[in-house]
Amino acid sequence: MKHKKSIILIIISISLLGLMLIFIGPEKIVNDIRKADPLYLSLAVAVHMLTLYLWMVRWRIAVVAAKIKTKNQPLFRILVLGLATNNITPAKSGGEALRAYLLSKYSKTPFESSFATVLIDKGLDTFPLILLSIISLFHMILVFRFSLWLVIGLLITLFAVVFSFFIILYVSVKPELGKKVKRGIMRIARIFYKHKSKKLSKLESRISDAIVKYQDAVRLMIKNKNVIYVALPLSFVIWFLEIIRIWAVFWAFGVYISPIIIAEVMIVATLVSMVPIFPGGLGAIEGLMILFYSMAGVPLPLSAAITIVERLISFWLTIFLGVATLPYFGSDMVGKVFK
């Protein structure tokens, strides 16, 4: 049922995007795409691949800090499949759990420890997101003169993301809060396991063990110097490379645009992709990118051409790479991804 919903949402998203492109003018868009410089497009693809590799390096720092043993190659495949799964699920919600599951399976470690590494890896993105959001929102107010309500909406979304991460992190390192979480889960469990004291006792023991393993893994990573002094700066490098990739696509079309505007579009696209409507923000993100670039002075058909090519690299290439890893994980994994 879930995979049918995702397929329907993808079809709706692509249909809306198609209508948008028809309105702009397909012939003009195709003509602009034909003029793109292959050298700069190759550079954009190379930067994207480098970004994925550095993402794996950053995650590996958390994995090593949690004392989980695995090699680079399977870790890269797991990362790419997780990112591809995010691109086909609303609010990018499926990839993290899949990454934790696969890491747990192939490293033969508890799922709780694997999930903790994914939490830290995602959390490291919060810091460049905050910095770029502050710069971008001020620039949006001054240059684009967006309505106050739109800016407030973006600020609320950003605050919700940051607040949620730090709350989860705080709960993750405080043993007493872990006990409260366990009590809350047990209260719900007692509704479904009335008059089954043995099952409740086993469940309580498993939950306690899971929370302890998870919190131990988080504390190990936070105390590790490499997480702070290597992985955190690497997060800023990864975001910088994202901007360079988009910039390279603009160069391919002979267009110069301020990197601040690119950063703004990235931030808005990131926040929009977190809204649980369309898979990976498909359709909505493309529309916003075309709108922003045209407002920055890029002709509408050219904005559409640049957006299509950029999304082919950042969105669809990632999905293709993720699908290409499925044979490595076995036929059973195909069902798990598309459930």
Protein backbone atom coordinates (compact mmCIF):
# COMPACT_ATOMS: atom_id res chain seq x y z
CA MET A 1 0.00 0.00 0.00
CA LYS A 2 2.82 2.39 0.93
CA HIS A 3 4.73 1.82 -2.31
CA LYS A 4 1.53 2.43 -4.31
CA LYS A 5 1.10 5.75 -2.52
CA SER A 6 4.70 6.73 -3.33
CA ILE A 7 4.24 5.80 -7.00
CA ILE A 8 1.02 7.84 -7.20
CA LEU A 9 2.73 10.84 -5.59
CA ILE A 10 5.69 10.54 -7.99
CA ILE A 11 3.29 10.46 -10.97
CA ILE A 12 1.44 13.53 -9.64
CA SER A 13 4.73 15.35 -9.03
CA ILE A 14 6.08 14.60 -12.52
CA SER A 15 2.72 15.59 -14.06
CA LEU A 16 2.74 18.96 -12.27
CA LEU A 17 6.34 19.51 -13.36
CA GLY A 18 5.40 18.58 -16.93
CA LEU A 19 2.54 21.09 -16.96
CA MET A 20 4.91 23.76 -15.68
CA LEU A 21 7.42 23.05 -18.45
CA ILE A 22 4.69 23.02 -21.11
CA PHE A 23 3.57 26.45 -19.87
CA ILE A 24 7.15 27.80 -20.13
CA GLY A 25 7.74 26.30 -23.59
CA PRO A 26 9.38 22.90 -24.19
CA GLU A 27 11.10 23.94 -27.45
CA LYS A 28 12.85 26.90 -25.81
CA ILE A 29 13.97 24.72 -22.89
CA VAL A 30 15.33 21.98 -25.21
CA ASN A 31 17.19 24.56 -27.32
CA ASP A 32 18.85 25.97 -24.19
CA ILE A 33 19.83 22.49 -22.99
CA ARG A 34 21.49 21.75 -26.36
CA LYS A 35 23.75 24.79 -25.88
CA ALA A 36 25.10 23.55 -22.52
CA ASP A 37 28.87 23.04 -22.31
CA PRO A 38 29.60 19.31 -21.71
CA LEU A 39 32.85 20.15 -19.91
CA TYR A 40 31.10 22.11 -17.15
CA LEU A 41 28.33 19.50 -16.94
CA SER A 42 31.01 16.84 -16.44
CA LEU A 43 32.50 19.03 -13.72
CA ALA A 44 29.08 19.22 -12.01
CA VAL A 45 28.76 15.41 -12.10
CA ALA A 46 32.31 15.01 -10.74
CA VAL A 47 31.58 17.45 -7.90
CA HIS A 48 28.38 15.53 -7.08
CA MET A 49 30.30 12.24 -6.90
CA LEU A 50 32.96 13.88 -4.71
CA THR A 51 30.19 15.19 -2.44
CA LEU A 52 28.76 11.68 -2.04
CA TYR A 53 32.22 10.31 -1.25
CA LEU A 54 32.89 12.98 1.40
CA TRP A 55 29.43 12.30 2.87
CA MET A 56 30.48 8.66 3.24
CA VAL A 57 33.76 9.79 4.89
CA ARG A 58 31.81 11.94 7.34
CA TRP A 59 29.44 9.10 8.21
CA ARG A 60 32.40 6.73 8.58
CA ILE A 61 33.84 9.02 11.27
CA ALA A 62 30.64 8.53 13.30
CA VAL A 63 30.64 4.80 12.54
CA VAL A 64 34.24 4.37 13.75
CA ALA A 65 33.50 6.50 16.83
CA ALA A 66 30.65 4.11 17.67
CA LYS A 67 33.14 1.20 17.38
CA ILE A 68 31.35 -0.31 14.38
CA LYS A 69 33.61 -2.13 11.92
CA THR A 70 32.86 -1.85 8.20
CA LYS A 71 34.68 -1.10 4.94
CA ASN A 72 34.32 2.00 2.76
CA GLN A 73 32.77 0.27 -0.26
CA PRO A 74 29.70 -1.24 1.46
CA LEU A 75 29.28 1.95 3.51
CA PHE A 76 29.20 4.02 0.31
CA ARG A 77 26.62 1.69 -1.24
CA ILE A 78 24.46 1.88 1.89
CA LEU A 79 24.67 5.68 1.89
CA VAL A 80 23.73 5.99 -1.79
CA LEU A 81 20.79 3.59 -1.44
CA GLY A 82 19.60 5.54 1.61
CA LEU A 83 19.78 8.85 -0.26
CA ALA A 84 17.96 7.34 -3.24
CA THR A 85 15.23 6.06 -0.91
CA ASN A 86 14.89 9.55 0.57
CA ASN A 87 14.29 10.86 -2.95
CA ILE A 88 11.28 8.60 -3.48
CA THR A 89 9.66 9.01 -0.04
CA PRO A 90 7.69 12.05 1.23
CA ALA A 91 9.65 14.32 3.62
CA LYS A 92 12.77 12.27 2.78
CA SER A 93 11.69 9.94 5.56
CA GLY A 94 12.73 6.45 4.50
CA GLY A 95 16.45 6.57 3.85
CA GLU A 96 17.76 7.00 7.40
CA ALA A 97 16.03 3.90 8.79
CA LEU A 98 17.23 1.91 5.77
CA ARG A 99 20.82 3.08 6.28
CA ALA A 100 20.68 2.05 9.94
CA TYR A 101 19.15 -1.34 9.07
CA LEU A 102 21.74 -2.14 6.39
CA LEU A 103 24.67 -0.98 8.51
CA SER A 104 23.40 -3.13 11.37
CA LYS A 105 22.96 -6.12 9.08
CA TYR A 106 26.33 -5.97 7.32
CA SER A 107 28.43 -4.97 10.32
CA LYS A 108 26.57 -7.37 12.65
CA THR A 109 26.02 -4.66 15.27
CA PRO A 110 22.85 -3.69 17.18
CA PHE A 111 20.39 -1.59 15.17
CA GLU A 112 20.37 0.99 17.98
CA SER A 113 24.09 1.69 17.55
CA SER A 114 23.74 1.91 13.76
CA PHE A 115 20.78 4.26 14.05
CA ALA A 116 22.76 6.49 16.43
CA THR A 117 25.46 6.96 13.75
CA VAL A 118 22.80 8.01 11.24
CA LEU A 119 21.34 10.50 13.75
CA ILE A 120 24.76 12.09 14.33
CA ASP A 121 25.49 12.14 10.59
CA LYS A 122 22.20 13.93 9.88
CA GLY A 123 22.70 16.21 12.85
CA LEU A 124 26.04 17.44 11.51
CA ASP A 125 24.11 18.99 8.59
CA THR A 126 22.19 21.15 11.07
CA PHE A 127 25.10 23.53 11.68
CA PRO A 128 25.77 24.62 8.06
CA LEU A 129 21.99 24.68 7.55
CA ILE A 130 21.60 27.22 10.39
CA LEU A 131 24.45 29.43 9.12
CA LEU A 132 23.32 29.41 5.48
CA SER A 133 19.68 29.93 6.50
CA ILE A 134 20.50 33.08 8.48
CA ILE A 135 22.54 34.54 5.59
CA SER A 136 19.94 33.52 3.00
CA LEU A 137 16.90 34.81 4.88
CA PHE A 138 18.48 38.24 5.40
CA HIS A 139 19.41 38.39 1.69
CA MET A 140 15.91 37.28 0.67
CA ILE A 141 14.34 40.08 2.72
CA LEU A 142 16.70 42.73 1.32
CA VAL A 143 16.93 41.66 -2.34
CA PHE A 144 13.79 39.68 -3.24
CA ARG A 145 11.51 41.58 -0.87
CA PHE A 146 9.45 38.50 -0.08
CA SER A 147 6.35 38.88 2.03
CA LEU A 148 6.85 38.79 5.78
CA TRP A 149 4.58 35.73 6.06
CA LEU A 150 6.74 33.67 3.68
CA VAL A 151 9.89 34.54 5.62
CA ILE A 152 8.14 33.73 8.92
CA GLY A 153 7.01 30.38 7.48
CA LEU A 154 10.58 29.50 6.49
CA LEU A 155 11.87 30.59 9.91
CA ILE A 156 9.28 28.41 11.68
CA THR A 157 10.24 25.40 9.53
CA LEU A 158 13.94 25.98 10.23
CA PHE A 159 13.29 26.39 13.95
CA ALA A 160 11.24 23.17 14.03
CA VAL A 161 14.06 21.22 12.33
CA VAL A 162 16.79 22.59 14.62
CA PHE A 163 14.67 22.27 17.77
CA SER A 164 13.71 18.67 16.95
CA PHE A 165 17.33 17.67 16.39
CA PHE A 166 18.60 19.14 19.66
CA ILE A 167 15.68 17.67 21.63
CA ILE A 168 16.41 14.21 20.17
CA LEU A 169 20.12 14.66 20.89
CA TYR A 170 19.40 15.77 24.48
CA VAL A 171 17.15 12.78 25.10
CA SER A 172 19.80 10.54 23.52
CA VAL A 173 22.49 11.38 26.09
CA LYS A 174 20.45 11.65 29.30
CA PRO A 175 19.90 8.25 31.00
CA GLU A 176 16.99 9.55 33.09
CA LEU A 177 15.18 10.77 29.96
CA GLY A 178 15.79 7.39 28.36
CA LYS A 179 13.98 5.82 31.32
CA LYS A 180 11.05 8.20 30.79
CA VAL A 181 10.88 7.19 27.12
CA LYS A 182 10.84 3.54 28.20
CA ARG A 183 8.01 4.18 30.67
CA GLY A 184 6.02 5.96 27.96
CA ILE A 185 6.45 3.06 25.55
CA MET A 186 5.48 0.56 28.25
CA ARG A 187 2.28 2.47 29.06
CA ILE A 188 1.25 2.11 25.42
CA ALA A 189 2.36 -1.54 25.32
CA ARG A 190 0.20 -2.43 28.35
CA ILE A 191 -2.88 -1.45 26.34
CA PHE A 192 -2.11 -4.18 23.80
CA TYR A 193 -0.61 -6.77 26.17
CA LYS A 194 -3.21 -6.96 28.93
CA HIS A 195 -2.96 -10.13 31.06
CA LYS A 196 0.33 -11.09 29.34
CA SER A 197 2.87 -10.33 32.04
CA LYS A 198 5.62 -12.55 30.58
CA LYS A 199 5.49 -10.82 27.20
CA LEU A 200 5.44 -7.41 28.88
CA SER A 201 8.47 -8.34 30.97
CA LYS A 202 10.42 -9.49 27.89
CA LEU A 203 9.39 -6.37 25.97
CA GLU A 204 10.45 -4.09 28.82
CA SER A 205 13.83 -5.83 28.97
CA ARG A 206 14.33 -5.46 25.20
CA ILE A 207 13.36 -1.77 25.26
CA SER A 208 15.70 -1.06 28.18
CA ASP A 209 18.54 -2.83 26.39
CA ALA A 210 17.84 -0.98 23.13
CA ILE A 211 17.78 2.45 24.81
CA VAL A 212 21.02 1.77 26.70
CA LYS A 213 22.82 0.62 23.52
CA TYR A 214 21.52 3.64 21.59
CA GLN A 215 22.51 6.16 24.29
CA ASP A 216 25.93 4.54 24.76
CA ALA A 217 26.62 4.84 21.02
CA VAL A 218 25.56 8.51 20.92
CA ARG A 219 27.73 9.38 23.93
CA LEU A 220 30.71 7.59 22.39
CA MET A 221 30.40 9.63 19.19
CA ILE A 222 29.90 12.98 20.92
CA LYS A 223 33.04 12.44 23.00
CA ASN A 224 35.09 11.51 19.94
CA LYS A 225 37.28 14.43 18.81
CA ASN A 226 37.12 13.42 15.14
CA VAL A 227 33.36 13.98 15.13
CA ILE A 228 33.81 17.61 16.24
CA TYR A 229 37.12 18.54 14.59
CA VAL A 230 36.87 16.57 11.32
CA ALA A 231 33.26 15.55 10.61
CA LEU A 232 31.73 18.94 11.51
CA PRO A 233 34.06 21.00 9.24
CA LEU A 234 33.47 18.36 6.56
CA SER A 235 29.74 19.21 6.74
CA PHE A 236 30.52 22.78 5.70
CA VAL A 237 32.74 21.49 2.86
CA ILE A 238 29.90 19.24 1.64
CA TRP A 239 27.44 22.14 1.56
CA PHE A 240 30.04 24.32 -0.20
CA LEU A 241 30.47 21.62 -2.86
CA GLU A 242 26.68 21.52 -3.33
CA ILE A 243 26.84 25.22 -4.23
CA ILE A 244 29.83 24.62 -6.55
CA ARG A 245 27.90 21.85 -8.36
CA ILE A 246 24.96 24.14 -9.09
CA TRP A 247 27.34 26.95 -10.03
CA ALA A 248 29.03 24.61 -12.55
CA VAL A 249 25.64 23.93 -14.17
CA PHE A 250 25.10 27.69 -14.53
CA TRP A 251 28.57 28.02 -16.10
CA ALA A 252 27.61 25.26 -18.56
CA PHE A 253 24.84 27.55 -19.81
CA GLY A 254 27.08 30.62 -19.83
CA VAL A 255 25.25 32.25 -16.91
CA TYR A 256 26.91 33.90 -13.91
CA ILE A 257 24.83 34.02 -10.74
CA SER A 258 25.70 34.97 -7.17
CA PRO A 259 26.55 31.97 -4.96
CA ILE A 260 24.39 33.60 -2.26
CA ILE A 261 21.33 33.18 -4.50
CA ILE A 262 22.29 29.54 -5.09
CA ALA A 263 22.60 29.06 -1.31
CA GLU A 264 19.16 30.64 -0.82
CA VAL A 265 17.55 28.29 -3.32
CA MET A 266 19.31 25.33 -1.65
CA ILE A 267 18.01 26.32 1.78
CA VAL A 268 14.43 26.83 0.59
CA ALA A 269 14.57 23.57 -1.39
CA THR A 270 15.90 21.72 1.69
CA LEU A 271 13.10 23.06 3.88
CA VAL A 272 10.43 22.34 1.24
CA SER A 273 11.70 18.77 0.79
CA MET A 274 10.98 18.18 4.50
CA VAL A 275 7.26 18.82 3.97
CA PRO A 276 5.59 15.37 3.82
CA ILE A 277 3.69 15.80 0.54
CA PHE A 278 5.71 14.95 -2.55
CA PRO A 279 8.60 12.42 -2.69
CA GLY A 280 11.89 14.29 -2.24
CA GLY A 281 10.06 17.56 -2.90
CA LEU A 282 9.70 16.48 -6.56
CA GLY A 283 7.81 19.12 -8.53
CA ALA A 284 7.72 21.69 -5.73
CA ILE A 285 11.51 22.10 -5.62
CA GLU A 286 11.80 22.43 -9.40
CA GLY A 287 9.07 25.07 -9.40
CA LEU A 288 10.79 27.06 -6.66
CA MET A 289 14.18 26.84 -8.38
CA ILE A 290 12.76 28.10 -11.68
CA LEU A 291 10.92 30.92 -9.87
CA PHE A 292 13.94 32.04 -7.82
CA TYR A 293 16.38 31.98 -10.73
CA SER A 294 13.99 33.92 -12.96
CA MET A 295 13.52 36.49 -10.17
CA ALA A 296 17.33 36.79 -10.07
CA GLY A 297 17.29 37.85 -13.73
CA VAL A 298 17.70 34.53 -15.56
CA PRO A 299 15.20 34.16 -18.47
CA LEU A 300 12.37 31.74 -17.62
CA PRO A 301 13.15 29.06 -20.29
CA LEU A 302 16.85 29.17 -19.33
CA SER A 303 15.93 28.88 -15.63
CA ALA A 304 13.89 25.79 -16.48
CA ALA A 305 16.72 24.27 -18.54
CA ILE A 306 19.27 24.85 -15.76
CA THR A 307 16.89 23.43 -13.15
CA ILE A 308 16.17 20.28 -15.20
CA VAL A 309 19.87 19.56 -15.76
CA GLU A 310 20.79 20.27 -12.13
CA ARG A 311 18.04 17.97 -10.84
CA LEU A 312 19.08 15.25 -13.29
CA ILE A 313 22.48 15.31 -11.59
CA SER A 314 21.55 15.83 -7.92
CA PHE A 315 18.21 13.97 -7.79
CA TRP A 316 17.87 11.43 -10.61
CA LEU A 317 21.55 10.41 -10.78
CA THR A 318 21.40 9.62 -7.05
CA ILE A 319 18.32 7.45 -7.60
CA PHE A 320 20.07 5.67 -10.49
CA LEU A 321 23.15 5.00 -8.34
CA GLY A 322 20.92 3.73 -5.52
CA VAL A 323 19.07 1.34 -7.85
CA ALA A 324 22.45 0.15 -9.19
CA THR A 325 23.42 -0.96 -5.66
CA LEU A 326 20.35 -3.20 -5.21
CA PRO A 327 21.93 -6.35 -6.74
CA TYR A 328 24.71 -6.06 -4.14
CA PHE A 329 22.19 -6.19 -1.29
CA GLY A 330 20.13 -9.01 -2.82
CA SER A 331 16.62 -9.40 -4.21
CA ASP A 332 15.03 -9.16 -0.74
CA MET A 333 16.21 -5.57 -0.45
CA VAL A 334 14.18 -4.52 -3.52
CA GLY A 335 11.01 -5.38 -1.62
CA LYS A 336 12.15 -3.56 1.51
CA VAL A 337 12.95 -0.35 -0.40
CA PHE A 338 9.68 -0.24 -2.33
CA LYS A 339 7.35 -1.38 0.46
